[in-house]
N, C-alpha and C. Protein backbone atom coordinates (compact mmCIF):
# COMPACT_ATOMS: atom_id res chain seq x y z
N UNK A 1 38.73 -16.40 -1.17
CA UNK A 1 37.83 -15.45 -0.57
C UNK A 1 37.05 -14.67 -1.62
N UNK A 2 37.63 -14.45 -2.76
CA UNK A 2 36.94 -13.70 -3.81
C UNK A 2 35.70 -14.46 -4.25
N UNK A 3 34.64 -13.74 -4.47
CA UNK A 3 33.40 -14.36 -4.91
C UNK A 3 32.50 -14.83 -3.79
N UNK A 4 32.97 -14.79 -2.57
CA UNK A 4 32.16 -15.27 -1.45
C UNK A 4 31.29 -14.18 -0.85
N UNK A 5 31.67 -12.94 -1.08
CA UNK A 5 30.91 -11.84 -0.50
C UNK A 5 29.73 -11.48 -1.40
N UNK A 6 28.60 -11.28 -0.80
CA UNK A 6 27.42 -10.87 -1.55
C UNK A 6 27.41 -9.35 -1.67
N UNK A 7 26.83 -8.88 -2.75
CA UNK A 7 26.68 -7.44 -2.93
C UNK A 7 25.72 -6.91 -1.87
N UNK A 8 26.00 -5.75 -1.32
CA UNK A 8 25.09 -5.21 -0.30
C UNK A 8 23.73 -4.91 -0.89
N UNK A 9 22.70 -5.23 -0.12
CA UNK A 9 21.35 -4.98 -0.60
C UNK A 9 20.71 -3.79 0.09
N UNK A 10 21.35 -3.25 1.10
CA UNK A 10 20.77 -2.13 1.83
C UNK A 10 19.65 -2.59 2.73
N UNK A 11 19.03 -1.66 3.40
CA UNK A 11 18.00 -2.04 4.35
C UNK A 11 16.66 -2.32 3.71
N UNK A 12 16.55 -2.15 2.41
CA UNK A 12 15.28 -2.38 1.73
C UNK A 12 15.30 -3.63 0.85
N UNK A 13 16.23 -4.51 1.10
CA UNK A 13 16.28 -5.76 0.36
C UNK A 13 16.57 -5.59 -1.12
N UNK A 14 17.25 -4.53 -1.48
CA UNK A 14 17.61 -4.31 -2.87
C UNK A 14 16.51 -3.71 -3.72
N UNK A 15 15.38 -3.35 -3.13
CA UNK A 15 14.28 -2.76 -3.90
C UNK A 15 14.51 -1.26 -4.08
N UNK A 16 14.13 -0.76 -5.24
CA UNK A 16 14.24 0.67 -5.49
C UNK A 16 13.11 1.40 -4.78
N UNK A 17 13.24 2.71 -4.69
CA UNK A 17 12.20 3.53 -4.07
C UNK A 17 10.88 3.37 -4.82
N UNK A 18 10.94 3.27 -6.14
CA UNK A 18 9.73 3.11 -6.95
C UNK A 18 9.06 1.76 -6.68
N UNK A 19 9.87 0.72 -6.52
CA UNK A 19 9.31 -0.60 -6.22
C UNK A 19 8.66 -0.63 -4.84
N UNK A 20 9.30 0.02 -3.87
CA UNK A 20 8.72 0.08 -2.52
C UNK A 20 7.43 0.88 -2.52
N UNK A 21 7.39 1.98 -3.27
CA UNK A 21 6.18 2.80 -3.34
C UNK A 21 5.05 2.01 -4.00
N UNK A 22 5.34 1.30 -5.07
CA UNK A 22 4.32 0.49 -5.75
C UNK A 22 3.80 -0.61 -4.82
N UNK A 23 4.68 -1.20 -4.03
CA UNK A 23 4.27 -2.23 -3.07
C UNK A 23 3.35 -1.66 -2.00
N UNK A 24 3.69 -0.48 -1.48
CA UNK A 24 2.82 0.16 -0.47
C UNK A 24 1.45 0.48 -1.07
N UNK A 25 1.44 1.02 -2.26
CA UNK A 25 0.18 1.36 -2.92
C UNK A 25 -0.67 0.11 -3.12
N UNK A 26 -0.03 -0.98 -3.57
CA UNK A 26 -0.75 -2.24 -3.77
C UNK A 26 -1.34 -2.74 -2.46
N UNK A 27 -0.57 -2.64 -1.38
CA UNK A 27 -1.06 -3.09 -0.07
C UNK A 27 -2.26 -2.27 0.38
N UNK A 28 -2.22 -0.96 0.17
CA UNK A 28 -3.37 -0.12 0.52
C UNK A 28 -4.59 -0.49 -0.33
N UNK A 29 -4.40 -0.69 -1.62
CA UNK A 29 -5.53 -1.01 -2.50
C UNK A 29 -6.10 -2.39 -2.18
N UNK A 30 -5.25 -3.35 -1.89
CA UNK A 30 -5.75 -4.68 -1.51
C UNK A 30 -6.57 -4.62 -0.23
N UNK A 31 -6.07 -3.88 0.75
CA UNK A 31 -6.79 -3.74 2.02
C UNK A 31 -8.10 -2.99 1.81
N UNK A 32 -8.08 -1.96 0.98
CA UNK A 32 -9.29 -1.19 0.71
C UNK A 32 -10.34 -2.04 0.02
N UNK A 33 -9.94 -2.86 -0.92
CA UNK A 33 -10.89 -3.73 -1.60
C UNK A 33 -11.58 -4.64 -0.60
N UNK A 34 -10.82 -5.15 0.33
CA UNK A 34 -11.37 -6.02 1.37
C UNK A 34 -12.32 -5.25 2.28
N UNK A 35 -11.89 -4.10 2.78
CA UNK A 35 -12.70 -3.34 3.73
C UNK A 35 -13.91 -2.68 3.08
N UNK A 36 -13.73 -2.13 1.88
CA UNK A 36 -14.84 -1.45 1.22
C UNK A 36 -15.90 -2.44 0.76
N UNK A 37 -15.46 -3.62 0.33
CA UNK A 37 -16.38 -4.61 -0.21
C UNK A 37 -17.06 -5.47 0.84
N UNK A 38 -16.58 -5.40 2.05
CA UNK A 38 -17.09 -6.24 3.14
C UNK A 38 -17.40 -5.31 4.31
N UNK A 39 -17.40 -5.85 5.49
CA UNK A 39 -17.59 -5.02 6.68
C UNK A 39 -16.27 -4.34 6.98
N UNK A 40 -16.18 -3.06 7.21
CA UNK A 40 -17.25 -2.13 7.54
C UNK A 40 -17.83 -1.37 6.35
N UNK A 41 -17.31 -1.59 5.14
CA UNK A 41 -17.80 -0.85 3.98
C UNK A 41 -17.09 0.48 3.84
N UNK A 42 -17.26 1.09 2.67
CA UNK A 42 -16.56 2.35 2.38
C UNK A 42 -16.91 3.45 3.38
N UNK A 43 -18.19 3.65 3.64
CA UNK A 43 -18.62 4.76 4.49
C UNK A 43 -18.11 4.66 5.93
N UNK A 44 -17.85 3.47 6.40
CA UNK A 44 -17.42 3.29 7.79
C UNK A 44 -15.94 2.97 7.94
N UNK A 45 -15.20 2.97 6.85
CA UNK A 45 -13.76 2.72 6.91
C UNK A 45 -13.03 4.02 7.20
N UNK A 46 -12.08 3.97 8.10
CA UNK A 46 -11.25 5.13 8.41
C UNK A 46 -9.85 4.93 7.84
N UNK A 47 -9.13 6.02 7.73
CA UNK A 47 -7.74 5.94 7.26
C UNK A 47 -6.93 5.07 8.21
N UNK A 48 -7.18 5.20 9.50
CA UNK A 48 -6.45 4.40 10.49
C UNK A 48 -6.74 2.91 10.31
N UNK A 49 -8.02 2.56 10.10
CA UNK A 49 -8.38 1.16 9.91
C UNK A 49 -7.78 0.60 8.63
N UNK A 50 -7.80 1.39 7.57
CA UNK A 50 -7.23 0.95 6.29
C UNK A 50 -5.72 0.76 6.43
N UNK A 51 -5.08 1.69 7.09
CA UNK A 51 -3.62 1.59 7.29
C UNK A 51 -3.27 0.36 8.11
N UNK A 52 -4.04 0.11 9.15
CA UNK A 52 -3.80 -1.07 9.98
C UNK A 52 -4.00 -2.35 9.18
N UNK A 53 -5.06 -2.41 8.38
CA UNK A 53 -5.32 -3.59 7.56
C UNK A 53 -4.21 -3.82 6.53
N UNK A 54 -3.62 -2.74 6.05
CA UNK A 54 -2.54 -2.84 5.07
C UNK A 54 -1.19 -3.11 5.74
N UNK A 55 -1.15 -2.97 7.06
CA UNK A 55 0.11 -3.15 7.78
C UNK A 55 1.07 -1.99 7.58
N UNK A 56 0.50 -0.81 7.34
CA UNK A 56 1.30 0.38 7.09
C UNK A 56 0.83 1.51 8.01
N UNK A 57 1.53 2.62 7.99
CA UNK A 57 1.17 3.73 8.86
C UNK A 57 0.26 4.73 8.15
N UNK A 58 -0.40 5.56 8.94
CA UNK A 58 -1.24 6.60 8.34
C UNK A 58 -0.38 7.61 7.59
N UNK A 59 0.84 7.83 8.05
CA UNK A 59 1.75 8.71 7.32
C UNK A 59 1.99 8.18 5.91
N UNK A 60 2.19 6.86 5.80
CA UNK A 60 2.39 6.26 4.49
C UNK A 60 1.13 6.36 3.64
N UNK A 61 -0.04 6.29 4.28
CA UNK A 61 -1.28 6.46 3.54
C UNK A 61 -1.29 7.83 2.86
N UNK A 62 -1.00 8.87 3.63
CA UNK A 62 -1.06 10.23 3.10
C UNK A 62 0.08 10.54 2.12
N UNK A 63 1.10 9.72 2.09
CA UNK A 63 2.13 9.86 1.05
C UNK A 63 1.63 9.32 -0.28
N UNK A 64 0.68 8.39 -0.23
CA UNK A 64 0.15 7.76 -1.45
C UNK A 64 -1.17 8.38 -1.91
N UNK A 65 -2.03 8.76 -0.96
CA UNK A 65 -3.37 9.23 -1.28
C UNK A 65 -3.69 10.46 -0.44
N UNK A 66 -4.62 11.28 -0.93
CA UNK A 66 -5.07 12.44 -0.14
C UNK A 66 -6.25 12.07 0.75
N UNK A 67 -7.18 11.27 0.21
CA UNK A 67 -8.40 10.93 0.94
C UNK A 67 -8.78 9.48 0.63
N UNK A 68 -9.75 8.97 1.37
CA UNK A 68 -10.29 7.64 1.07
C UNK A 68 -10.99 7.64 -0.29
N UNK A 69 -11.53 8.79 -0.68
CA UNK A 69 -12.16 8.89 -1.99
C UNK A 69 -11.14 8.65 -3.10
N UNK A 70 -9.92 9.13 -2.91
CA UNK A 70 -8.85 8.87 -3.88
C UNK A 70 -8.56 7.37 -3.99
N UNK A 71 -8.62 6.68 -2.86
CA UNK A 71 -8.41 5.23 -2.85
C UNK A 71 -9.54 4.56 -3.62
N UNK A 72 -10.77 4.99 -3.38
CA UNK A 72 -11.92 4.43 -4.08
C UNK A 72 -11.80 4.64 -5.58
N UNK A 73 -11.37 5.82 -6.00
CA UNK A 73 -11.18 6.10 -7.43
C UNK A 73 -10.08 5.22 -8.02
N UNK A 74 -8.99 5.03 -7.29
CA UNK A 74 -7.90 4.17 -7.77
C UNK A 74 -8.37 2.72 -7.88
N UNK A 75 -9.18 2.27 -6.93
CA UNK A 75 -9.73 0.92 -7.00
C UNK A 75 -10.65 0.76 -8.21
N UNK A 76 -11.46 1.78 -8.45
CA UNK A 76 -12.37 1.74 -9.60
C UNK A 76 -11.57 1.58 -10.89
N UNK A 77 -10.50 2.35 -11.03
CA UNK A 77 -9.66 2.25 -12.23
C UNK A 77 -8.98 0.89 -12.32
N UNK A 78 -8.54 0.36 -11.19
CA UNK A 78 -7.87 -0.94 -11.18
C UNK A 78 -8.83 -2.05 -11.59
N UNK A 79 -10.03 -2.03 -11.04
CA UNK A 79 -11.00 -3.09 -11.30
C UNK A 79 -11.61 -2.96 -12.70
N UNK A 80 -11.89 -1.74 -13.11
CA UNK A 80 -12.59 -1.52 -14.38
C UNK A 80 -11.69 -1.04 -15.49
N UNK A 81 -10.40 -0.88 -15.20
CA UNK A 81 -9.46 -0.34 -16.17
C UNK A 81 -9.10 -1.31 -17.20
């Protein structure tokens, strides 16, 4: 029986809080790049639409960013950094 049990991974698949936060941020930035660069564009994108495209909640959006402008600035740094 020894050696057959796997170590518990918890409900987050063994990812740390920092890894989960980085994954959420990446998902928001990927979705923003798609929405800002295509239809509907930056001016017509809402937090709700961005959150839906990222597959996350608006609460999670506001945990990562204050405004859509903050997302745009983060994208600028990512693309041009």
